[in-house]
Amino acid sequence: MTNVDLSEKIVKLRKNNNLTQEQLADRTGHSRNHIQRVETAYTAPTLATLLDIAQALEVPLEKLLEIPK
């Protein structure tokens, strides 16, 4: 899975949960700027960040890391 694939997955899940970047940032404890950088694939998220995002979106980490077919 590339950073772009992962970024697109995070954006899709965030929007499916009707969350803004700011709301996701609040739920994860990360800044909105950091969430934006992850969502645009400007920066690769750490495992800790991925865990925070998965918890905030109420999905298992494995769902974030699924490889699209």
C-alpha atoms as a PDB file:
ATOM      1  CA  MET A   1       0.000   0.000   0.000  1.00  0.00           C
ATOM      2  CA  THR A   2       1.391   3.382  -0.952  1.00  0.00           C
ATOM      3  CA  ASN A   3       1.088   6.583   1.062  1.00  0.00           C
ATOM      4  CA  VAL A   4      -1.417   7.831  -1.505  1.00  0.00           C
ATOM      5  CA  ASP A   5      -3.595   4.710  -1.113  1.00  0.00           C
ATOM      6  CA  LEU A   6      -3.488   5.055   2.654  1.00  0.00           C
ATOM      7  CA  SER A   7      -4.245   8.770   2.489  1.00  0.00           C
ATOM      8  CA  GLU A   8      -7.242   8.207   0.233  1.00  0.00           C
ATOM      9  CA  LYS A   9      -8.518   5.508   2.594  1.00  0.00           C
ATOM     10  CA  ILE A  10      -8.274   7.833   5.596  1.00  0.00           C
ATOM     11  CA  VAL A  11     -10.099  10.633   3.761  1.00  0.00           C
ATOM     12  CA  LYS A  12     -12.850   8.244   2.668  1.00  0.00           C
ATOM     13  CA  LEU A  13     -13.355   6.848   6.158  1.00  0.00           C
ATOM     14  CA  ARG A  14     -13.311  10.343   7.698  1.00  0.00           C
ATOM     15  CA  LYS A  15     -15.927  11.593   5.259  1.00  0.00           C
ATOM     16  CA  ASN A  16     -18.050   8.454   5.749  1.00  0.00           C
ATOM     17  CA  ASN A  17     -18.083   9.364   9.442  1.00  0.00           C
ATOM     18  CA  ASN A  18     -19.089  12.952   8.585  1.00  0.00           C
ATOM     19  CA  LEU A  19     -15.997  14.349  10.262  1.00  0.00           C
ATOM     20  CA  THR A  20     -13.939  17.367   9.334  1.00  0.00           C
ATOM     21  CA  GLN A  21     -10.163  17.323   9.549  1.00  0.00           C
ATOM     22  CA  GLU A  22     -10.487  19.470  12.666  1.00  0.00           C
ATOM     23  CA  GLN A  23     -12.835  16.968  14.312  1.00  0.00           C
ATOM     24  CA  LEU A  24     -10.549  14.063  13.441  1.00  0.00           C
ATOM     25  CA  ALA A  25      -7.619  16.027  14.823  1.00  0.00           C
ATOM     26  CA  ASP A  26      -9.494  16.626  18.085  1.00  0.00           C
ATOM     27  CA  ARG A  27     -10.322  12.927  18.382  1.00  0.00           C
ATOM     28  CA  THR A  28      -6.747  11.823  17.729  1.00  0.00           C
ATOM     29  CA  GLY A  29      -4.906  14.491  19.690  1.00  0.00           C
ATOM     30  CA  HIS A  30      -2.964  15.489  16.582  1.00  0.00           C
ATOM     31  CA  SER A  31      -3.095  18.918  14.954  1.00  0.00           C
ATOM     32  CA  ARG A  32      -5.354  19.612  11.988  1.00  0.00           C
ATOM     33  CA  ASN A  33      -2.214  20.453  10.040  1.00  0.00           C
ATOM     34  CA  HIS A  34      -0.784  17.006  10.760  1.00  0.00           C
ATOM     35  CA  ILE A  35      -4.029  15.302   9.694  1.00  0.00           C
ATOM     36  CA  GLN A  36      -4.009  17.371   6.492  1.00  0.00           C
ATOM     37  CA  ARG A  37      -0.421  16.329   5.743  1.00  0.00           C
ATOM     38  CA  VAL A  38      -1.300  12.667   6.271  1.00  0.00           C
ATOM     39  CA  GLU A  39      -4.420  12.956   4.097  1.00  0.00           C
ATOM     40  CA  THR A  40      -2.503  14.595   1.251  1.00  0.00           C
ATOM     41  CA  ALA A  41       0.336  12.053   1.521  1.00  0.00           C
ATOM     42  CA  TYR A  42       2.750  14.893   2.265  1.00  0.00           C
ATOM     43  CA  THR A  43       3.964  12.950   5.266  1.00  0.00           C
ATOM     44  CA  ALA A  44       3.855   9.265   6.099  1.00  0.00           C
ATOM     45  CA  PRO A  45       2.038   8.569   9.356  1.00  0.00           C
ATOM     46  CA  THR A  46       3.779   6.686  12.122  1.00  0.00           C
ATOM     47  CA  LEU A  47       2.256   3.515  13.481  1.00  0.00           C
ATOM     48  CA  ALA A  48       1.163   5.469  16.559  1.00  0.00           C
ATOM     49  CA  THR A  49      -0.616   8.035  14.363  1.00  0.00           C
ATOM     50  CA  LEU A  50      -2.320   5.257  12.398  1.00  0.00           C
ATOM     51  CA  LEU A  51      -3.515   3.683  15.635  1.00  0.00           C
ATOM     52  CA  ASP A  52      -4.882   7.040  16.807  1.00  0.00           C
ATOM     53  CA  ILE A  53      -6.687   7.583  13.498  1.00  0.00           C
ATOM     54  CA  ALA A  54      -8.124   4.054  13.474  1.00  0.00           C
ATOM     55  CA  GLN A  55      -9.453   4.503  17.014  1.00  0.00           C
ATOM     56  CA  ALA A  56     -10.916   7.913  16.180  1.00  0.00           C
ATOM     57  CA  LEU A  57     -12.659   6.482  13.112  1.00  0.00           C
ATOM     58  CA  GLU A  58     -13.752   3.418  15.102  1.00  0.00           C
ATOM     59  CA  VAL A  59     -12.213   0.948  12.663  1.00  0.00           C
ATOM     60  CA  PRO A  60      -9.607  -1.739  13.220  1.00  0.00           C
ATOM     61  CA  LEU A  61      -6.103  -0.810  12.120  1.00  0.00           C
ATOM     62  CA  GLU A  62      -6.275  -3.656   9.624  1.00  0.00           C
ATOM     63  CA  LYS A  63      -9.084  -1.862   7.790  1.00  0.00           C
ATOM     64  CA  LEU A  64      -6.859   1.173   7.249  1.00  0.00           C
ATOM     65  CA  LEU A  65      -4.119  -1.038   5.892  1.00  0.00           C
ATOM     66  CA  GLU A  66      -6.253  -3.112   3.499  1.00  0.00           C
ATOM     67  CA  ILE A  67      -4.794  -3.115   0.035  1.00  0.00           C
ATOM     68  CA  PRO A  68      -7.295  -1.952  -2.612  1.00  0.00           C
ATOM     69  CA  LYS A  69      -7.891  -4.383  -5.461  1.00  0.00           C
END
